C-alpha atoms as a PDB file:
ATOM      1  CA  MET A   1      -0.058   0.026   0.008  1.00  0.00           C
ATOM      2  CA  PHE A   2       1.250   3.687  -0.956  1.00  0.00           C
ATOM      3  CA  SER A   3      -0.190   6.845  -1.013  1.00  0.00           C
ATOM      4  CA  ASP A   4       0.505  10.267  -2.590  1.00  0.00           C
ATOM      5  CA  ASP A   5      -1.499  13.221  -2.043  1.00  0.00           C
ATOM      6  CA  LYS A   6      -5.050  12.188  -2.318  1.00  0.00           C
ATOM      7  CA  LYS A   7      -4.673   8.835  -4.098  1.00  0.00           C
ATOM      8  CA  ILE A   8      -4.435   5.520  -2.100  1.00  0.00           C
ATOM      9  CA  VAL A   9      -3.549   2.443  -3.824  1.00  0.00           C
ATOM     10  CA  PHE A  10      -3.859  -1.242  -2.610  1.00  0.00           C
ATOM     11  CA  LYS A  11      -2.048  -3.874  -4.565  1.00  0.00           C
ATOM     12  CA  SER A  12      -2.414  -7.811  -4.009  1.00  0.00           C
ATOM     13  CA  ASN A  13      -1.123 -10.838  -5.823  1.00  0.00           C
ATOM     14  CA  LEU A  14      -4.341 -13.061  -5.025  1.00  0.00           C
ATOM     15  CA  CYS A  15      -6.156 -15.264  -7.306  1.00  0.00           C
ATOM     16  CA  TYR A  16      -8.125 -12.639  -9.393  1.00  0.00           C
ATOM     17  CA  THR A  17      -7.296  -9.634 -11.530  1.00  0.00           C
ATOM     18  CA  CYS A  18      -9.723  -6.707 -10.851  1.00  0.00           C
ATOM     19  CA  VAL A  19      -9.114  -3.034 -10.804  1.00  0.00           C
ATOM     20  CA  GLN A  20     -11.521  -1.027  -8.764  1.00  0.00           C
ATOM     21  CA  GLU A  21     -11.473   2.652  -8.277  1.00  0.00           C
ATOM     22  CA  ILE A  22     -13.647   4.112  -5.512  1.00  0.00           C
ATOM     23  CA  ARG A  23     -13.966   7.775  -5.487  1.00  0.00           C
ATOM     24  CA  VAL A  24     -14.524   9.444  -2.041  1.00  0.00           C
ATOM     25  CA  PRO A  25     -15.007  13.380  -1.849  1.00  0.00           C
ATOM     26  CA  ASP A  26     -10.906  14.634  -2.158  1.00  0.00           C
ATOM     27  CA  TYR A  27      -9.537  10.885  -2.327  1.00  0.00           C
ATOM     28  CA  GLN A  28      -9.341   8.292  -5.334  1.00  0.00           C
ATOM     29  CA  ILE A  29      -8.815   4.770  -4.031  1.00  0.00           C
ATOM     30  CA  THR A  30      -7.659   2.079  -6.890  1.00  0.00           C
ATOM     31  CA  CYS A  31      -7.576  -1.645  -5.703  1.00  0.00           C
ATOM     32  CA  ILE A  32      -5.578  -3.748  -8.237  1.00  0.00           C
ATOM     33  CA  ILE A  33      -5.836  -7.612  -7.583  1.00  0.00           C
ATOM     34  CA  MET A  34      -3.702  -9.676 -10.353  1.00  0.00           C
ATOM     35  CA  ASN A  35      -4.567 -13.265 -11.618  1.00  0.00           C
ATOM     36  CA  LYS A  36      -3.646 -15.084 -15.280  1.00  0.00           C
ATOM     37  CA  ASN A  37      -6.976 -16.931 -15.297  1.00  0.00           C
ATOM     38  CA  ILE A  38      -9.197 -13.718 -15.331  1.00  0.00           C
ATOM     39  CA  GLU A  39     -10.100 -13.620 -19.030  1.00  0.00           C
ATOM     40  CA  GLN A  40     -10.793 -17.199 -19.192  1.00  0.00           C
ATOM     41  CA  LYS A  41     -13.125 -16.804 -16.402  1.00  0.00           C
ATOM     42  CA  ILE A  42     -14.631 -13.603 -18.048  1.00  0.00           C
ATOM     43  CA  ALA A  43     -15.287 -15.588 -21.337  1.00  0.00           C
ATOM     44  CA  GLU A  44     -16.736 -18.500 -19.815  1.00  0.00           C
ATOM     45  CA  LEU A  45     -19.454 -16.410 -17.879  1.00  0.00           C
ATOM     46  CA  GLU A  46     -20.079 -14.275 -21.155  1.00  0.00           C
ATOM     47  CA  ARG A  47     -20.921 -17.818 -22.897  1.00  0.00           C
ATOM     48  CA  ARG A  48     -23.052 -18.604 -20.130  1.00  0.00           C
ATOM     49  CA  VAL A  49     -24.873 -15.838 -19.808  1.00  0.00           C
ATOM     50  CA  GLN A  50     -25.438 -15.847 -23.660  1.00  0.00           C
ATOM     51  CA  LYS A  51     -26.702 -19.568 -23.299  1.00  0.00           C
ATOM     52  CA  LEU A  52     -28.852 -18.219 -20.754  1.00  0.00           C
ATOM     53  CA  GLU A  53     -30.599 -15.362 -22.609  1.00  0.00           C
ATOM     54  CA  LEU A  54     -30.923 -17.383 -25.397  1.00  0.00           C
ATOM     55  CA  ALA A  55     -32.816 -20.156 -23.705  1.00  0.00           C
ATOM     56  CA  ASP A  56     -34.897 -17.581 -21.990  1.00  0.00           C
ATOM     57  CA  SER A  57     -35.356 -15.659 -25.128  1.00  0.00           C
ATOM     58  CA  SER A  58     -36.880 -19.203 -26.673  1.00  0.00           C
ATOM     59  CA  ARG A  59     -38.904 -19.671 -23.740  1.00  0.00           C
ATOM     60  CA  ARG A  60     -40.639 -16.137 -23.880  1.00  0.00           C
ATOM     61  CA  HIS A  61     -41.484 -16.772 -27.665  1.00  0.00           C
ATOM     62  CA  GLU A  62     -43.107 -20.061 -27.013  1.00  0.00           C
ATOM     63  CA  ASN A  63     -45.227 -18.541 -24.409  1.00  0.00           C
ATOM     64  CA  GLN A  64     -46.527 -15.954 -26.519  1.00  0.00           C
ATOM     65  CA  GLU A  65     -47.293 -18.568 -29.133  1.00  0.00           C
ATOM     66  CA  ILE A  66     -49.090 -20.356 -26.986  1.00  0.00           C
ATOM     67  CA  LYS A  67     -51.207 -17.188 -25.850  1.00  0.00           C
ATOM     68  CA  LYS A  68     -51.933 -16.493 -29.570  1.00  0.00           C
ATOM     69  CA  ASN A  69     -53.412 -20.111 -30.051  1.00  0.00           C
ATOM     70  CA  LYS A  70     -55.088 -19.877 -26.594  1.00  0.00           C
ATOM     71  CA  LYS A  71     -58.797 -18.564 -26.426  1.00  0.00           C
ATOM     72  CA  ILE A  72     -59.509 -16.779 -23.561  1.00  0.00           C
ATOM     73  CA  SER A  73     -63.178 -16.827 -22.135  1.00  0.00           C
ATOM     74  CA  ALA A  74     -65.436 -13.932 -22.239  1.00  0.00           C
ATOM     75  CA  LYS A  75     -65.169 -13.492 -18.284  1.00  0.00           C
ATOM     76  CA  GLU A  76     -61.293 -13.246 -18.492  1.00  0.00           C
ATOM     77  CA  PHE A  77     -61.959 -10.767 -21.469  1.00  0.00           C
ATOM     78  CA  LEU A  78     -64.194  -8.663 -19.385  1.00  0.00           C
ATOM     79  CA  LEU A  79     -61.938  -8.758 -16.557  1.00  0.00           C
ATOM     80  CA  THR A  80     -59.136  -7.163 -18.652  1.00  0.00           C
ATOM     81  CA  LYS A  81     -61.413  -4.095 -19.109  1.00  0.00           C
ATOM     82  CA  LYS A  82     -62.543  -1.142 -16.930  1.00  0.00           C
ATOM     83  CA  LEU A  83     -66.407  -1.554 -17.555  1.00  0.00           C
ATOM     84  CA  THR A  84     -69.010   0.312 -15.394  1.00  0.00           C
ATOM     85  CA  THR A  85     -72.150   0.288 -17.462  1.00  0.00           C
ATOM     86  CA  ASP A  86     -74.436  -2.354 -19.348  1.00  0.00           C
ATOM     87  CA  THR A  87     -73.594  -0.294 -22.663  1.00  0.00           C
ATOM     88  CA  GLN A  88     -69.787  -0.930 -22.035  1.00  0.00           C
ATOM     89  CA  LYS A  89     -70.140  -4.570 -21.235  1.00  0.00           C
ATOM     90  CA  THR A  90     -72.347  -5.200 -24.501  1.00  0.00           C
ATOM     91  CA  ILE A  91     -69.683  -3.338 -26.652  1.00  0.00           C
ATOM     92  CA  ALA A  92     -66.939  -4.950 -25.328  1.00  0.00           C
ATOM     93  CA  LEU A  93     -68.802  -8.309 -25.646  1.00  0.00           C
ATOM     94  CA  GLY A  94     -69.236  -7.570 -29.223  1.00  0.00           C
ATOM     95  CA  TYR A  95     -65.729  -6.869 -29.579  1.00  0.00           C
ATOM     96  CA  TYR A  96     -64.971 -10.445 -28.018  1.00  0.00           C
ATOM     97  CA  LEU A  97     -67.445 -12.076 -30.161  1.00  0.00           C
ATOM     98  CA  GLU A  98     -65.641 -10.820 -33.302  1.00  0.00           C
ATOM     99  CA  HIS A  99     -62.176 -10.929 -32.118  1.00  0.00           C
ATOM    100  CA  GLU A 100     -62.018 -14.183 -29.952  1.00  0.00           C
ATOM    101  CA  ASP A 101     -65.073 -16.142 -31.218  1.00  0.00           C
ATOM    102  CA  SER A 102     -64.307 -14.735 -34.984  1.00  0.00           C
ATOM    103  CA  MET A 103     -67.944 -13.980 -35.724  1.00  0.00           C
ATOM    104  CA  ILE A 104     -68.367 -11.180 -38.468  1.00  0.00           C
ATOM    105  CA  SER A 105     -71.572 -10.223 -36.997  1.00  0.00           C
ATOM    106  CA  PHE A 106     -73.664 -10.920 -33.846  1.00  0.00           C
ATOM    107  CA  ASN A 107     -77.163 -10.682 -32.784  1.00  0.00           C
ATOM    108  CA  VAL A 108     -78.947 -10.296 -29.592  1.00  0.00           C
ATOM    109  CA  ASP A 109     -79.109 -13.946 -28.912  1.00  0.00           C
ATOM    110  CA  ASP A 110     -75.234 -13.881 -29.435  1.00  0.00           C
ATOM    111  CA  LEU A 111     -74.791 -11.105 -26.938  1.00  0.00           C
ATOM    112  CA  ILE A 112     -77.197 -12.989 -24.396  1.00  0.00           C
ATOM    113  CA  LYS A 113     -75.144 -16.076 -24.656  1.00  0.00           C
ATOM    114  CA  ALA A 114     -71.861 -14.073 -23.996  1.00  0.00           C
ATOM    115  CA  PHE A 115     -73.194 -12.276 -21.105  1.00  0.00           C
ATOM    116  CA  ALA A 116     -74.235 -15.876 -19.997  1.00  0.00           C
ATOM    117  CA  ASN A 117     -70.758 -17.257 -20.643  1.00  0.00           C
ATOM    118  CA  ALA A 118     -69.064 -14.448 -18.896  1.00  0.00           C
ATOM    119  CA  LYS A 119     -71.024 -14.842 -16.010  1.00  0.00           C
ATOM    120  CA  GLU A 120     -72.455 -11.322 -16.018  1.00  0.00           C
ATOM    121  CA  ARG A 121     -75.754 -10.157 -15.649  1.00  0.00           C
ATOM    122  CA  LYS A 122     -77.703  -9.449 -18.950  1.00  0.00           C
ATOM    123  CA  PRO A 123     -78.978  -6.015 -19.364  1.00  0.00           C
ATOM    124  CA  SER A 124     -82.688  -5.734 -19.262  1.00  0.00           C
ATOM    125  CA  ASN A 125     -82.851  -4.616 -22.472  1.00  0.00           C
ATOM    126  CA  VAL A 126     -80.005  -5.652 -24.933  1.00  0.00           C
ATOM    127  CA  GLY A 127     -81.396  -4.107 -27.615  1.00  0.00           C
ATOM    128  CA  ASP A 128     -81.462  -0.603 -26.058  1.00  0.00           C
ATOM    129  CA  ALA A 129     -77.752  -1.185 -24.783  1.00  0.00           C
ATOM    130  CA  VAL A 130     -76.983  -1.942 -28.729  1.00  0.00           C
ATOM    131  CA  ASN A 131     -79.008   1.074 -30.182  1.00  0.00           C
ATOM    132  CA  LYS A 132     -76.742   3.544 -27.390  1.00  0.00           C
ATOM    133  CA  ASN A 133     -73.636   2.195 -29.115  1.00  0.00           C
ATOM    134  CA  ILE A 134     -75.001   2.629 -32.018  1.00  0.00           C
ATOM    135  CA  SER A 135     -75.875   6.394 -31.607  1.00  0.00           C
ATOM    136  CA  ARG A 136     -72.140   6.873 -30.114  1.00  0.00           C
ATOM    137  CA  GLY A 137     -70.661   5.426 -33.370  1.00  0.00           C
ATOM    138  CA  PHE A 138     -69.672   2.188 -31.767  1.00  0.00           C
ATOM    139  CA  ILE A 139     -71.451  -0.367 -33.474  1.00  0.00           C
ATOM    140  CA  MET A 140     -73.311  -1.003 -36.895  1.00  0.00           C
ATOM    141  CA  GLU A 141     -75.834  -2.387 -38.461  1.00  0.00           C
ATOM    142  CA  ALA A 142     -74.550  -5.684 -40.143  1.00  0.00           C
ATOM    143  CA  SER A 143     -75.474  -5.964 -44.386  1.00  0.00           C
ATOM    144  CA  GLU A 144     -77.211  -9.363 -43.630  1.00  0.00           C
ATOM    145  CA  ARG A 145     -79.618 -10.846 -40.926  1.00  0.00           C
ATOM    146  CA  LYS A 146     -78.041 -13.498 -38.706  1.00  0.00           C
ATOM    147  CA  ASP A 147     -80.514 -16.410 -38.074  1.00  0.00           C
ATOM    148  CA  GLY A 148     -83.457 -14.345 -39.245  1.00  0.00           C
ATOM    149  CA  LYS A 149     -82.503 -11.437 -36.586  1.00  0.00           C
ATOM    150  CA  LYS A 150     -81.131  -8.134 -37.232  1.00  0.00           C
ATOM    151  CA  ALA A 151     -77.206  -8.600 -36.629  1.00  0.00           C
ATOM    152  CA  TRP A 152     -74.438  -5.866 -36.021  1.00  0.00           C
ATOM    153  CA  THR A 153     -70.840  -5.309 -36.128  1.00  0.00           C
ATOM    154  CA  LEU A 154     -68.254  -3.131 -34.768  1.00  0.00           C
ATOM    155  CA  THR A 155     -66.999   0.248 -36.408  1.00  0.00           C
ATOM    156  CA  SER A 156     -63.552   0.978 -35.896  1.00  0.00           C
ATOM    157  CA  THR A 157     -64.227   3.587 -33.479  1.00  0.00           C
ATOM    158  CA  GLY A 158     -65.954   1.205 -31.100  1.00  0.00           C
ATOM    159  CA  GLU A 159     -62.978  -1.220 -31.571  1.00  0.00           C
ATOM    160  CA  LYS A 160     -60.924   1.566 -30.577  1.00  0.00           C
ATOM    161  CA  PHE A 161     -62.862   2.533 -27.873  1.00  0.00           C
ATOM    162  CA  VAL A 162     -62.885  -1.436 -26.399  1.00  0.00           C
ATOM    163  CA  GLU A 163     -59.132  -1.360 -26.496  1.00  0.00           C
ATOM    164  CA  LYS A 164     -58.539   1.887 -24.865  1.00  0.00           C
ATOM    165  CA  LEU A 165     -61.076   0.351 -21.976  1.00  0.00           C
ATOM    166  CA  SER A 166     -58.104  -1.664 -20.456  1.00  0.00           C
ATOM    167  CA  LYS A 167     -57.531  -1.448 -16.674  1.00  0.00           C
END
């Protein structure tokens, strides 16, 4: 160990090579520990870290693929949204029917079934909830009837609205 002005240096001939500078107000402290194998150790550790990162990246990619292929339930979907009114639940379930159940359009029966599957109380008048969403520009009438009943589809504004309802 030696000191000169405000610089203190420690030297040791132990097993590892390391240079560490510690800055303390008005002092600079440098510790030097020497070893010939440090570069080999660092290279080995870098290989191990790279192998772990690749394995983790591969696992993460597999999990994303599983999530893409796994259909979530209506209940799980509603739990991802901040919904306070029957009108919001109706538009959210319409979105669910189109995006998760791959329906081109949906009717009152589809919505009632979706409320039941989500274990949610259905609105007293589902048609009224749909009409409120139509007046807001979130739902529009589909070009063709479905099972002999009036059918609807979401507008792009309605889709964006539901996507912004995340908790």
